Amino acid sequence: MAGPVKHVFEKFEADLKEAVTLMDGDPRMAVGLAARAAWEFVAAHEEIAAQGLDLPLYHLVAALGDLHEGRAASMLKPAKVKNRPPDSTAKQVSKAYACFCIDLLMSLGDSVEDACKAVADILAKHEISFGGKYGTPSWRTTKHWRDEVSKLSAKHPRRAILEELRKGAAANPQEYMGREKRGFVLALLDWNLTVMGSKAALE
């Protein structure tokens, strides 16, 4: 890797690492820094910048900057929906992992109630809101997330991700076999939620 290119890559990596450290305290600043780092990395490659291929990233960086100043660019304004706004994609991803964990725990012998309670405990640890009706036990809410998957569209993030996870498990069943794997399954959910980032990013 040539010297200048290596320097550009190292700066890109350093900026991304800094952005990750900001996720818990200021996710908006973190995302803005990561977007700017990506734009600068792409723009630093003359053969790409000469074609204007960095423009979408530039406009994203500019829009995020405007947002910080109190102005929401049209691209960042939510689309109008008839009902209440849907959960964020990140929240749907967390729900997909929760549903997958319930699947695995049940395959290892847990009842649906025990599996949902164990998953609900992990979600509560990460302060992920359940959003169910007042007074509804959290484990019933997680059960509902799993029960309603088949009613969601094929392109819905929760269903699409859950189906991919299920395919992966079906292709490698030995990875999750054995009752001793129960702790591993719960640790896997805990790890995935940790990797996904801050509570704010999952709301």
N, C-alpha and C. Protein backbone atom coordinates (compact mmCIF):
# COMPACT_ATOMS: atom_id res chain seq x y z
N MET A 1 0.85 -1.19 0.00
CA MET A 1 0.00 0.00 0.00
C MET A 1 0.89 1.24 0.00
N ALA A 2 0.64 2.13 -0.93
CA ALA A 2 1.47 3.33 -1.06
C ALA A 2 1.34 4.21 0.17
N GLY A 3 2.38 5.05 0.39
CA GLY A 3 2.42 5.89 1.58
C GLY A 3 1.20 6.76 1.77
N PRO A 4 0.84 7.64 0.80
CA PRO A 4 -0.31 8.53 0.97
C PRO A 4 -1.61 7.76 1.20
N VAL A 5 -1.81 6.68 0.45
CA VAL A 5 -3.03 5.88 0.59
C VAL A 5 -3.09 5.24 1.97
N LYS A 6 -1.95 4.75 2.44
CA LYS A 6 -1.90 4.15 3.76
C LYS A 6 -2.26 5.17 4.82
N HIS A 7 -1.76 6.40 4.67
CA HIS A 7 -2.06 7.46 5.63
C HIS A 7 -3.55 7.75 5.65
N VAL A 8 -4.17 7.80 4.48
CA VAL A 8 -5.60 8.07 4.38
C VAL A 8 -6.39 6.97 5.07
N PHE A 9 -5.97 5.74 4.87
CA PHE A 9 -6.66 4.61 5.50
C PHE A 9 -6.51 4.67 7.01
N GLU A 10 -5.31 4.97 7.48
CA GLU A 10 -5.07 5.03 8.92
C GLU A 10 -5.91 6.13 9.58
N LYS A 11 -6.06 7.27 8.90
CA LYS A 11 -6.90 8.34 9.43
C LYS A 11 -8.36 7.90 9.48
N PHE A 12 -8.80 7.22 8.43
CA PHE A 12 -10.17 6.70 8.35
C PHE A 12 -10.43 5.75 9.53
N GLU A 13 -9.51 4.85 9.75
CA GLU A 13 -9.65 3.89 10.85
C GLU A 13 -9.66 4.60 12.20
N ALA A 14 -8.77 5.57 12.38
CA ALA A 14 -8.70 6.31 13.64
C ALA A 14 -9.99 7.08 13.91
N ASP A 15 -10.54 7.70 12.86
CA ASP A 15 -11.79 8.45 13.02
C ASP A 15 -12.94 7.52 13.39
N LEU A 16 -12.99 6.35 12.77
CA LEU A 16 -14.06 5.39 13.09
C LEU A 16 -13.94 4.90 14.53
N LYS A 17 -12.73 4.67 14.98
CA LYS A 17 -12.51 4.24 16.36
C LYS A 17 -12.98 5.32 17.34
N GLU A 18 -12.69 6.57 17.01
CA GLU A 18 -13.15 7.67 17.85
C GLU A 18 -14.67 7.75 17.86
N ALA A 19 -15.27 7.55 16.69
CA ALA A 19 -16.74 7.60 16.59
C ALA A 19 -17.38 6.54 17.48
N VAL A 20 -16.80 5.35 17.49
CA VAL A 20 -17.35 4.27 18.30
C VAL A 20 -17.32 4.63 19.79
N THR A 21 -16.26 5.30 20.22
CA THR A 21 -16.16 5.67 21.64
C THR A 21 -17.20 6.72 22.03
N LEU A 22 -17.74 7.45 21.05
CA LEU A 22 -18.72 8.49 21.33
C LEU A 22 -20.16 7.99 21.30
N MET A 23 -20.38 6.76 20.88
CA MET A 23 -21.74 6.27 20.68
C MET A 23 -22.61 6.33 21.92
N ASP A 24 -22.07 5.98 23.07
CA ASP A 24 -22.87 5.99 24.29
C ASP A 24 -23.20 7.40 24.77
N GLY A 25 -22.24 8.33 24.63
CA GLY A 25 -22.46 9.67 25.14
C GLY A 25 -23.15 10.61 24.17
N ASP A 26 -22.79 10.55 22.89
CA ASP A 26 -23.35 11.47 21.89
C ASP A 26 -23.44 10.75 20.55
N PRO A 27 -24.46 9.90 20.38
CA PRO A 27 -24.56 9.11 19.15
C PRO A 27 -24.67 9.96 17.88
N ARG A 28 -25.30 11.12 17.98
CA ARG A 28 -25.41 11.97 16.78
C ARG A 28 -24.03 12.45 16.33
N MET A 29 -23.22 12.89 17.28
CA MET A 29 -21.86 13.32 16.94
C MET A 29 -21.05 12.15 16.42
N ALA A 30 -21.25 10.97 17.01
CA ALA A 30 -20.51 9.79 16.60
C ALA A 30 -20.83 9.43 15.15
N VAL A 31 -22.11 9.44 14.81
CA VAL A 31 -22.51 9.11 13.44
C VAL A 31 -22.02 10.17 12.47
N GLY A 32 -22.07 11.43 12.89
CA GLY A 32 -21.58 12.50 12.03
C GLY A 32 -20.09 12.36 11.76
N LEU A 33 -19.34 12.00 12.79
CA LEU A 33 -17.90 11.81 12.62
C LEU A 33 -17.61 10.64 11.69
N ALA A 34 -18.35 9.54 11.86
CA ALA A 34 -18.15 8.37 11.01
C ALA A 34 -18.49 8.68 9.55
N ALA A 35 -19.58 9.42 9.36
CA ALA A 35 -19.98 9.78 7.99
C ALA A 35 -18.94 10.68 7.34
N ARG A 36 -18.44 11.64 8.10
CA ARG A 36 -17.42 12.54 7.57
C ARG A 36 -16.14 11.76 7.24
N ALA A 37 -15.78 10.82 8.10
CA ALA A 37 -14.59 10.01 7.87
C ALA A 37 -14.73 9.21 6.58
N ALA A 38 -15.93 8.66 6.36
CA ALA A 38 -16.17 7.89 5.13
C ALA A 38 -16.08 8.79 3.90
N TRP A 39 -16.67 9.99 4.00
CA TRP A 39 -16.62 10.92 2.87
C TRP A 39 -15.18 11.33 2.56
N GLU A 40 -14.42 11.68 3.60
CA GLU A 40 -13.03 12.10 3.40
C GLU A 40 -12.19 10.97 2.82
N PHE A 41 -12.47 9.74 3.26
CA PHE A 41 -11.73 8.59 2.75
C PHE A 41 -11.99 8.39 1.25
N VAL A 42 -13.27 8.47 0.88
CA VAL A 42 -13.64 8.30 -0.53
C VAL A 42 -13.10 9.47 -1.36
N ALA A 43 -13.29 10.69 -0.85
CA ALA A 43 -12.87 11.88 -1.59
C ALA A 43 -11.36 11.95 -1.77
N ALA A 44 -10.62 11.30 -0.90
CA ALA A 44 -9.15 11.30 -1.00
C ALA A 44 -8.64 10.48 -2.17
N HIS A 45 -9.50 9.64 -2.75
CA HIS A 45 -9.12 8.85 -3.91
C HIS A 45 -9.54 9.62 -5.17
N GLU A 46 -8.57 10.23 -5.81
CA GLU A 46 -8.84 11.17 -6.91
C GLU A 46 -9.66 10.55 -8.04
N GLU A 47 -9.37 9.28 -8.35
CA GLU A 47 -10.08 8.65 -9.47
C GLU A 47 -11.57 8.49 -9.16
N ILE A 48 -11.91 8.42 -7.88
CA ILE A 48 -13.31 8.31 -7.48
C ILE A 48 -13.94 9.69 -7.39
N ALA A 49 -13.25 10.60 -6.71
CA ALA A 49 -13.76 11.96 -6.53
C ALA A 49 -13.96 12.67 -7.87
N ALA A 50 -13.10 12.38 -8.85
CA ALA A 50 -13.21 13.02 -10.16
C ALA A 50 -14.52 12.67 -10.86
N GLN A 51 -15.10 11.55 -10.48
CA GLN A 51 -16.38 11.14 -11.07
C GLN A 51 -17.57 11.63 -10.25
N GLY A 52 -17.28 12.33 -9.15
CA GLY A 52 -18.36 12.84 -8.31
C GLY A 52 -19.02 11.76 -7.48
N LEU A 53 -18.34 10.62 -7.31
CA LEU A 53 -18.96 9.50 -6.60
C LEU A 53 -19.00 9.70 -5.08
N ASP A 54 -18.34 10.76 -4.63
CA ASP A 54 -18.37 11.06 -3.20
C ASP A 54 -19.53 11.99 -2.82
N LEU A 55 -20.28 12.46 -3.81
CA LEU A 55 -21.34 13.44 -3.56
C LEU A 55 -22.43 12.96 -2.59
N PRO A 56 -22.93 11.72 -2.71
CA PRO A 56 -23.95 11.28 -1.74
C PRO A 56 -23.46 11.37 -0.30
N LEU A 57 -22.20 10.98 -0.07
CA LEU A 57 -21.65 11.06 1.28
C LEU A 57 -21.50 12.51 1.72
N TYR A 58 -21.10 13.37 0.78
CA TYR A 58 -20.96 14.79 1.10
C TYR A 58 -22.29 15.36 1.56
N HIS A 59 -23.36 15.05 0.82
CA HIS A 59 -24.68 15.58 1.16
C HIS A 59 -25.17 15.03 2.51
N LEU A 60 -24.82 13.79 2.82
CA LEU A 60 -25.18 13.23 4.12
C LEU A 60 -24.45 13.97 5.24
N VAL A 61 -23.16 14.20 5.05
CA VAL A 61 -22.37 14.93 6.05
C VAL A 61 -22.94 16.33 6.25
N ALA A 62 -23.28 17.00 5.14
CA ALA A 62 -23.83 18.35 5.23
C ALA A 62 -25.18 18.34 5.96
N ALA A 63 -26.01 17.35 5.66
CA ALA A 63 -27.32 17.27 6.30
C ALA A 63 -27.20 17.01 7.80
N LEU A 64 -26.23 16.18 8.18
CA LEU A 64 -26.02 15.91 9.60
C LEU A 64 -25.49 17.16 10.30
N GLY A 65 -24.68 17.93 9.60
CA GLY A 65 -24.19 19.20 10.16
C GLY A 65 -25.33 20.18 10.36
N ASP A 66 -26.24 20.25 9.38
CA ASP A 66 -27.41 21.12 9.50
C ASP A 66 -28.28 20.70 10.69
N LEU A 67 -28.39 19.41 10.87
CA LEU A 67 -29.20 18.88 11.97
C LEU A 67 -28.64 19.34 13.31
N HIS A 68 -27.33 19.35 13.42
CA HIS A 68 -26.66 19.80 14.64
C HIS A 68 -26.94 21.28 14.89
N GLU A 69 -27.16 22.04 13.81
CA GLU A 69 -27.42 23.47 13.93
C GLU A 69 -28.91 23.78 14.08
N GLY A 70 -29.74 22.75 14.07
CA GLY A 70 -31.17 22.97 14.28
C GLY A 70 -32.03 22.94 13.04
N ARG A 71 -31.44 22.59 11.92
CA ARG A 71 -32.22 22.52 10.67
C ARG A 71 -32.20 21.09 10.15
N ALA A 72 -33.39 20.55 9.87
CA ALA A 72 -33.49 19.19 9.36
C ALA A 72 -33.63 19.22 7.85
N ALA A 73 -32.63 18.72 7.15
CA ALA A 73 -32.70 18.63 5.69
C ALA A 73 -33.83 17.68 5.31
N SER A 74 -34.39 17.88 4.14
CA SER A 74 -35.54 17.07 3.72
C SER A 74 -35.22 15.58 3.75
N MET A 75 -33.98 15.20 3.43
CA MET A 75 -33.63 13.78 3.40
C MET A 75 -33.67 13.14 4.78
N LEU A 76 -33.59 13.95 5.84
CA LEU A 76 -33.58 13.42 7.19
C LEU A 76 -34.93 13.54 7.89
N LYS A 77 -35.90 14.11 7.19
CA LYS A 77 -37.24 14.21 7.78
C LYS A 77 -37.97 12.88 7.60
N PRO A 78 -38.64 12.40 8.64
CA PRO A 78 -39.32 11.11 8.53
C PRO A 78 -40.48 11.15 7.54
N ALA A 79 -40.69 10.03 6.89
CA ALA A 79 -41.83 9.92 5.98
C ALA A 79 -43.11 9.92 6.80
N LYS A 80 -44.17 10.43 6.24
CA LYS A 80 -45.45 10.45 6.94
C LYS A 80 -46.08 9.06 6.91
N VAL A 81 -46.55 8.64 8.07
CA VAL A 81 -47.20 7.33 8.17
C VAL A 81 -48.57 7.50 8.80
N LYS A 82 -49.47 6.59 8.48
CA LYS A 82 -50.84 6.69 8.98
C LYS A 82 -50.92 6.38 10.48
N ASN A 83 -50.18 5.38 10.89
CA ASN A 83 -50.21 4.98 12.30
C ASN A 83 -49.00 5.55 13.03
N ARG A 84 -48.73 5.05 14.23
CA ARG A 84 -47.57 5.54 14.98
C ARG A 84 -46.29 5.16 14.25
N PRO A 85 -45.24 5.96 14.38
CA PRO A 85 -43.97 5.65 13.70
C PRO A 85 -43.47 4.27 14.08
N PRO A 86 -42.90 3.53 13.13
CA PRO A 86 -42.39 2.19 13.44
C PRO A 86 -41.11 2.25 14.25
N ASP A 87 -40.75 1.11 14.84
CA ASP A 87 -39.48 1.03 15.55
C ASP A 87 -38.33 1.29 14.59
N SER A 88 -37.23 1.78 15.12
CA SER A 88 -36.05 2.00 14.31
C SER A 88 -35.54 0.66 13.78
N THR A 89 -34.75 0.71 12.71
CA THR A 89 -34.18 -0.52 12.16
C THR A 89 -33.31 -1.21 13.20
N ALA A 90 -32.53 -0.42 13.95
CA ALA A 90 -31.68 -1.01 14.98
C ALA A 90 -32.51 -1.74 16.03
N LYS A 91 -33.65 -1.17 16.39
CA LYS A 91 -34.53 -1.82 17.37
C LYS A 91 -35.08 -3.12 16.79
N GLN A 92 -35.43 -3.10 15.51
CA GLN A 92 -35.95 -4.31 14.87
C GLN A 92 -34.88 -5.39 14.80
N VAL A 93 -33.63 -4.98 14.59
CA VAL A 93 -32.53 -5.95 14.58
C VAL A 93 -32.39 -6.59 15.95
N SER A 94 -32.50 -5.77 17.00
CA SER A 94 -32.40 -6.32 18.36
C SER A 94 -33.55 -7.28 18.63
N LYS A 95 -34.72 -6.98 18.11
CA LYS A 95 -35.87 -7.88 18.27
C LYS A 95 -35.64 -9.20 17.53
N ALA A 96 -35.02 -9.11 16.35
CA ALA A 96 -34.73 -10.32 15.58
C ALA A 96 -33.78 -11.24 16.35
N TYR A 97 -32.74 -10.66 16.93
CA TYR A 97 -31.80 -11.45 17.72
C TYR A 97 -32.49 -12.05 18.94
N ALA A 98 -33.41 -11.30 19.54
CA ALA A 98 -34.15 -11.81 20.70
C ALA A 98 -35.01 -13.01 20.29
N CYS A 99 -35.69 -12.88 19.16
CA CYS A 99 -36.53 -13.98 18.67
C CYS A 99 -35.69 -15.21 18.35
N PHE A 100 -34.53 -14.99 17.76
CA PHE A 100 -33.63 -16.09 17.42
C PHE A 100 -33.16 -16.80 18.68
N CYS A 101 -32.86 -16.03 19.71
CA CYS A 101 -32.41 -16.61 20.97
C CYS A 101 -33.53 -17.46 21.59
N ILE A 102 -34.76 -17.00 21.48
CA ILE A 102 -35.90 -17.78 21.98
C ILE A 102 -35.98 -19.11 21.23
N ASP A 103 -35.82 -19.06 19.92
CA ASP A 103 -35.80 -20.28 19.10
C ASP A 103 -34.78 -21.27 19.64
N LEU A 104 -33.56 -20.79 19.84
CA LEU A 104 -32.47 -21.66 20.26
C LEU A 104 -32.71 -22.25 21.64
N LEU A 105 -33.18 -21.41 22.56
CA LEU A 105 -33.43 -21.90 23.92
C LEU A 105 -34.52 -22.97 23.93
N MET A 106 -35.54 -22.78 23.11
CA MET A 106 -36.61 -23.78 23.03
C MET A 106 -36.09 -25.08 22.41
N SER A 107 -35.18 -24.96 21.44
CA SER A 107 -34.60 -26.18 20.83
C SER A 107 -33.74 -26.93 21.83
N LEU A 108 -33.26 -26.21 22.88
CA LEU A 108 -32.44 -26.84 23.91
C LEU A 108 -33.26 -27.35 25.09
N GLY A 109 -34.60 -27.19 25.00
CA GLY A 109 -35.47 -27.76 26.03
C GLY A 109 -36.23 -26.78 26.88
N ASP A 110 -35.98 -25.48 26.75
CA ASP A 110 -36.74 -24.49 27.52
C ASP A 110 -38.19 -24.45 27.05
N SER A 111 -39.10 -24.18 27.96
CA SER A 111 -40.48 -23.89 27.56
C SER A 111 -40.47 -22.50 26.93
N VAL A 112 -41.53 -22.17 26.21
CA VAL A 112 -41.58 -20.85 25.58
C VAL A 112 -41.54 -19.76 26.64
N GLU A 113 -42.19 -20.00 27.78
CA GLU A 113 -42.19 -18.98 28.85
C GLU A 113 -40.79 -18.80 29.43
N ASP A 114 -40.11 -19.90 29.72
CA ASP A 114 -38.76 -19.80 30.29
C ASP A 114 -37.80 -19.13 29.32
N ALA A 115 -37.92 -19.48 28.03
CA ALA A 115 -37.05 -18.89 27.02
C ALA A 115 -37.28 -17.39 26.92
N CYS A 116 -38.55 -16.99 26.91
CA CYS A 116 -38.87 -15.56 26.78
C CYS A 116 -38.45 -14.78 28.02
N LYS A 117 -38.56 -15.41 29.20
CA LYS A 117 -38.13 -14.74 30.42
C LYS A 117 -36.62 -14.52 30.42
N ALA A 118 -35.88 -15.52 29.98
CA ALA A 118 -34.42 -15.40 29.94
C ALA A 118 -34.00 -14.30 28.97
N VAL A 119 -34.66 -14.24 27.83
CA VAL A 119 -34.35 -13.21 26.83
C VAL A 119 -34.74 -11.83 27.34
N ALA A 120 -35.89 -11.75 28.00
CA ALA A 120 -36.35 -10.46 28.54
C ALA A 120 -35.35 -9.92 29.56
N ASP A 121 -34.74 -10.80 30.34
CA ASP A 121 -33.75 -10.37 31.32
C ASP A 121 -32.54 -9.73 30.65
N ILE A 122 -32.10 -10.32 29.52
CA ILE A 122 -30.96 -9.77 28.78
C ILE A 122 -31.33 -8.41 28.18
N LEU A 123 -32.53 -8.30 27.64
CA LEU A 123 -32.97 -7.03 27.05
C LEU A 123 -33.05 -5.95 28.12
N ALA A 124 -33.57 -6.31 29.31
CA ALA A 124 -33.68 -5.35 30.41
C ALA A 124 -32.29 -4.88 30.84
N LYS A 125 -31.32 -5.78 30.81
CA LYS A 125 -29.93 -5.42 31.17
C LYS A 125 -29.41 -4.31 30.25
N HIS A 126 -29.83 -4.35 28.98
CA HIS A 126 -29.39 -3.34 28.01
C HIS A 126 -30.35 -2.16 27.94
N GLU A 127 -31.31 -2.13 28.85
CA GLU A 127 -32.28 -1.03 28.95
C GLU A 127 -33.06 -0.82 27.66
N ILE A 128 -33.38 -1.92 26.99
CA ILE A 128 -34.18 -1.85 25.77
C ILE A 128 -35.65 -1.88 26.16
N SER A 129 -36.39 -0.87 25.76
CA SER A 129 -37.80 -0.77 26.15
C SER A 129 -38.60 -1.86 25.44
N PHE A 130 -39.61 -2.36 26.15
CA PHE A 130 -40.43 -3.44 25.59
C PHE A 130 -41.64 -2.89 24.83
N GLY A 131 -42.17 -1.78 25.28
CA GLY A 131 -43.24 -1.14 24.54
C GLY A 131 -44.56 -1.88 24.53
N GLY A 132 -44.74 -2.85 25.43
CA GLY A 132 -46.01 -3.57 25.49
C GLY A 132 -47.05 -2.78 26.26
N LYS A 133 -48.25 -3.35 26.37
CA LYS A 133 -49.31 -2.70 27.12
C LYS A 133 -48.95 -2.64 28.61
N TYR A 134 -49.43 -1.61 29.27
CA TYR A 134 -49.14 -1.43 30.69
C TYR A 134 -49.59 -2.66 31.47
N GLY A 135 -48.70 -3.16 32.31
CA GLY A 135 -49.04 -4.32 33.13
C GLY A 135 -48.73 -5.66 32.48
N THR A 136 -48.39 -5.64 31.19
CA THR A 136 -48.07 -6.89 30.50
C THR A 136 -46.65 -7.32 30.87
N PRO A 137 -46.48 -8.56 31.34
CA PRO A 137 -45.13 -9.02 31.69
C PRO A 137 -44.20 -8.91 30.47
N SER A 138 -42.95 -8.52 30.72
CA SER A 138 -42.02 -8.32 29.62
C SER A 138 -41.82 -9.59 28.80
N TRP A 139 -41.88 -10.75 29.43
CA TRP A 139 -41.66 -11.99 28.68
C TRP A 139 -42.78 -12.22 27.68
N ARG A 140 -43.99 -11.78 28.01
CA ARG A 140 -45.10 -11.92 27.05
C ARG A 140 -44.91 -11.01 25.84
N THR A 141 -44.33 -9.85 26.10
CA THR A 141 -44.04 -8.93 24.99
C THR A 141 -43.01 -9.54 24.04
N THR A 142 -41.95 -10.14 24.60
CA THR A 142 -40.95 -10.77 23.73
C THR A 142 -41.55 -11.95 22.97
N LYS A 143 -42.47 -12.67 23.61
CA LYS A 143 -43.16 -13.77 22.93
C LYS A 143 -43.98 -13.23 21.76
N HIS A 144 -44.62 -12.09 21.97
CA HIS A 144 -45.42 -11.48 20.92
C HIS A 144 -44.55 -11.08 19.73
N TRP A 145 -43.34 -10.56 20.01
CA TRP A 145 -42.43 -10.21 18.92
C TRP A 145 -42.19 -11.41 18.01
N ARG A 146 -42.01 -12.57 18.63
CA ARG A 146 -41.72 -13.78 17.86
C ARG A 146 -42.97 -14.29 17.15
N ASP A 147 -44.10 -14.23 17.84
CA ASP A 147 -45.35 -14.75 17.27
C ASP A 147 -45.80 -13.97 16.04
N GLU A 148 -45.50 -12.66 16.01
CA GLU A 148 -46.00 -11.82 14.92
C GLU A 148 -45.10 -11.79 13.70
N VAL A 149 -43.93 -12.44 13.79
CA VAL A 149 -42.97 -12.40 12.68
C VAL A 149 -43.59 -12.89 11.38
N SER A 150 -44.35 -13.97 11.45
CA SER A 150 -44.92 -14.55 10.22
C SER A 150 -45.93 -13.61 9.56
N LYS A 151 -46.42 -12.61 10.29
CA LYS A 151 -47.38 -11.66 9.74
C LYS A 151 -46.69 -10.46 9.10
N LEU A 152 -45.40 -10.32 9.33
CA LEU A 152 -44.67 -9.20 8.77
C LEU A 152 -44.30 -9.45 7.31
N SER A 153 -44.06 -8.39 6.57
CA SER A 153 -43.70 -8.54 5.16
C SER A 153 -42.32 -9.18 5.07
N ALA A 154 -42.03 -9.81 3.94
CA ALA A 154 -40.75 -10.49 3.75
C ALA A 154 -39.58 -9.53 3.83
N LYS A 155 -39.81 -8.25 3.52
CA LYS A 155 -38.74 -7.26 3.54
C LYS A 155 -38.59 -6.57 4.90
N HIS A 156 -39.49 -6.87 5.82
CA HIS A 156 -39.41 -6.23 7.14
C HIS A 156 -38.09 -6.63 7.80
N PRO A 157 -37.35 -5.67 8.37
CA PRO A 157 -36.03 -5.98 8.95
C PRO A 157 -36.04 -7.14 9.94
N ARG A 158 -37.02 -7.16 10.84
CA ARG A 158 -37.03 -8.22 11.84
C ARG A 158 -37.20 -9.59 11.20
N ARG A 159 -38.14 -9.69 10.27
CA ARG A 159 -38.38 -10.99 9.64
C ARG A 159 -37.20 -11.41 8.76
N ALA A 160 -36.68 -10.47 7.98
CA ALA A 160 -35.58 -10.80 7.06
C ALA A 160 -34.35 -11.27 7.83
N ILE A 161 -34.01 -10.56 8.90
CA ILE A 161 -32.82 -10.93 9.67
C ILE A 161 -33.04 -12.23 10.41
N LEU A 162 -34.23 -12.40 11.01
CA LEU A 162 -34.52 -13.64 11.74
C LEU A 162 -34.46 -14.85 10.81
N GLU A 163 -34.98 -14.72 9.60
CA GLU A 163 -34.94 -15.84 8.67
C GLU A 163 -33.51 -16.19 8.27
N GLU A 164 -32.66 -15.17 8.13
CA GLU A 164 -31.25 -15.43 7.82
C GLU A 164 -30.56 -16.13 8.99
N LEU A 165 -30.87 -15.71 10.20
CA LEU A 165 -30.29 -16.34 11.39
C LEU A 165 -30.74 -17.79 11.50
N ARG A 166 -32.00 -18.03 11.21
CA ARG A 166 -32.53 -19.39 11.27
C ARG A 166 -31.88 -20.28 10.21
N LYS A 167 -31.65 -19.74 9.03
CA LYS A 167 -30.97 -20.51 7.98
C LYS A 167 -29.56 -20.87 8.41
N GLY A 168 -28.88 -19.91 9.02
CA GLY A 168 -27.53 -20.17 9.48
C GLY A 168 -27.48 -21.24 10.55
N ALA A 169 -28.44 -21.22 11.45
CA ALA A 169 -28.51 -22.23 12.51
C ALA A 169 -28.83 -23.61 11.94
N ALA A 170 -29.70 -23.63 10.94
CA ALA A 170 -30.07 -24.90 10.31
C ALA A 170 -28.89 -25.51 9.57
N ALA A 171 -28.04 -24.66 9.03
CA ALA A 171 -26.88 -25.14 8.28
C ALA A 171 -25.76 -25.60 9.21
N ASN A 172 -25.76 -25.10 10.46
CA ASN A 172 -24.72 -25.48 11.43
C ASN A 172 -25.35 -25.85 12.77
N PRO A 173 -26.18 -26.88 12.79
CA PRO A 173 -26.90 -27.23 14.03
C PRO A 173 -25.99 -27.63 15.18
N GLN A 174 -24.83 -28.20 14.86
CA GLN A 174 -23.93 -28.66 15.92
C GLN A 174 -23.42 -27.51 16.78
N GLU A 175 -23.46 -26.29 16.25
CA GLU A 175 -22.96 -25.14 17.00
C GLU A 175 -23.82 -24.84 18.23
N TYR A 176 -25.09 -25.24 18.17
CA TYR A 176 -26.01 -24.92 19.26
C TYR A 176 -26.56 -26.16 19.97
N MET A 177 -26.05 -27.33 19.66
CA MET A 177 -26.57 -28.56 20.24
C MET A 177 -26.03 -28.78 21.65
N GLY A 178 -26.87 -29.36 22.50
CA GLY A 178 -26.44 -29.71 23.85
C GLY A 178 -26.95 -28.72 24.88
N ARG A 179 -27.48 -29.22 25.98
CA ARG A 179 -28.06 -28.36 27.01
C ARG A 179 -27.04 -27.38 27.57
N GLU A 180 -25.78 -27.76 27.57
CA GLU A 180 -24.74 -26.87 28.10
C GLU A 180 -24.58 -25.62 27.25
N LYS A 181 -25.21 -25.62 26.07
CA LYS A 181 -25.10 -24.46 25.18
C LYS A 181 -26.04 -23.32 25.59
N ARG A 182 -26.88 -23.56 26.59
CA ARG A 182 -27.85 -22.53 26.99
C ARG A 182 -27.14 -21.23 27.39
N GLY A 183 -26.10 -21.35 28.20
CA GLY A 183 -25.35 -20.17 28.60
C GLY A 183 -24.69 -19.49 27.42
N PHE A 184 -24.21 -20.28 26.48
CA PHE A 184 -23.59 -19.74 25.28
C PHE A 184 -24.59 -18.92 24.46
N VAL A 185 -25.81 -19.44 24.34
CA VAL A 185 -26.85 -18.76 23.57
C VAL A 185 -27.19 -17.41 24.20
N LEU A 186 -27.35 -17.39 25.50
CA LEU A 186 -27.68 -16.13 26.19
C LEU A 186 -26.51 -15.14 26.10
N ALA A 187 -25.29 -15.66 26.21
CA ALA A 187 -24.11 -14.80 26.09
C ALA A 187 -24.02 -14.23 24.68
N LEU A 188 -24.43 -15.00 23.69
CA LEU A 188 -24.40 -14.54 22.30
C LEU A 188 -25.36 -13.37 22.10
N LEU A 189 -26.55 -13.46 22.68
CA LEU A 189 -27.51 -12.35 22.61
C LEU A 189 -26.95 -11.13 23.31
N ASP A 190 -26.39 -11.33 24.49
CA ASP A 190 -25.80 -10.24 25.26
C ASP A 190 -24.70 -9.56 24.45
N TRP A 191 -23.85 -10.36 23.82
CA TRP A 191 -22.74 -9.82 23.03
C TRP A 191 -23.25 -9.04 21.83
N ASN A 192 -24.23 -9.58 21.12
CA ASN A 192 -24.76 -8.91 19.93
C ASN A 192 -25.37 -7.55 20.29
N LEU A 193 -26.09 -7.50 21.40
CA LEU A 193 -26.69 -6.23 21.81
C LEU A 193 -25.62 -5.24 22.23
N THR A 194 -24.55 -5.73 22.82
CA THR A 194 -23.44 -4.86 23.20
C THR A 194 -22.77 -4.28 21.96
N VAL A 195 -22.54 -5.12 20.96
CA VAL A 195 -21.89 -4.69 19.73
C VAL A 195 -22.74 -3.67 18.99
N MET A 196 -24.06 -3.81 19.08
CA MET A 196 -24.96 -2.90 18.36
C MET A 196 -24.88 -1.48 18.90
N GLY A 197 -24.38 -1.31 20.11
CA GLY A 197 -24.14 0.04 20.61
C GLY A 197 -25.03 0.49 21.72
N SER A 198 -25.19 1.80 21.81
CA SER A 198 -25.84 2.43 22.95
C SER A 198 -27.34 2.23 22.95
N LYS A 199 -27.93 2.48 24.12
CA LYS A 199 -29.38 2.43 24.27
C LYS A 199 -30.04 3.42 23.32
N ALA A 200 -29.43 4.62 23.18
CA ALA A 200 -30.00 5.63 22.30
C ALA A 200 -30.08 5.15 20.86
N ALA A 201 -29.09 4.36 20.43
CA ALA A 201 -29.07 3.88 19.05
C ALA A 201 -30.14 2.83 18.80
N LEU A 202 -30.65 2.21 19.89
CA LEU A 202 -31.65 1.16 19.74
C LEU A 202 -33.06 1.65 19.96
N GLU A 203 -33.22 2.95 20.15
CA GLU A 203 -34.55 3.53 20.35
C GLU A 203 -35.09 4.12 19.05
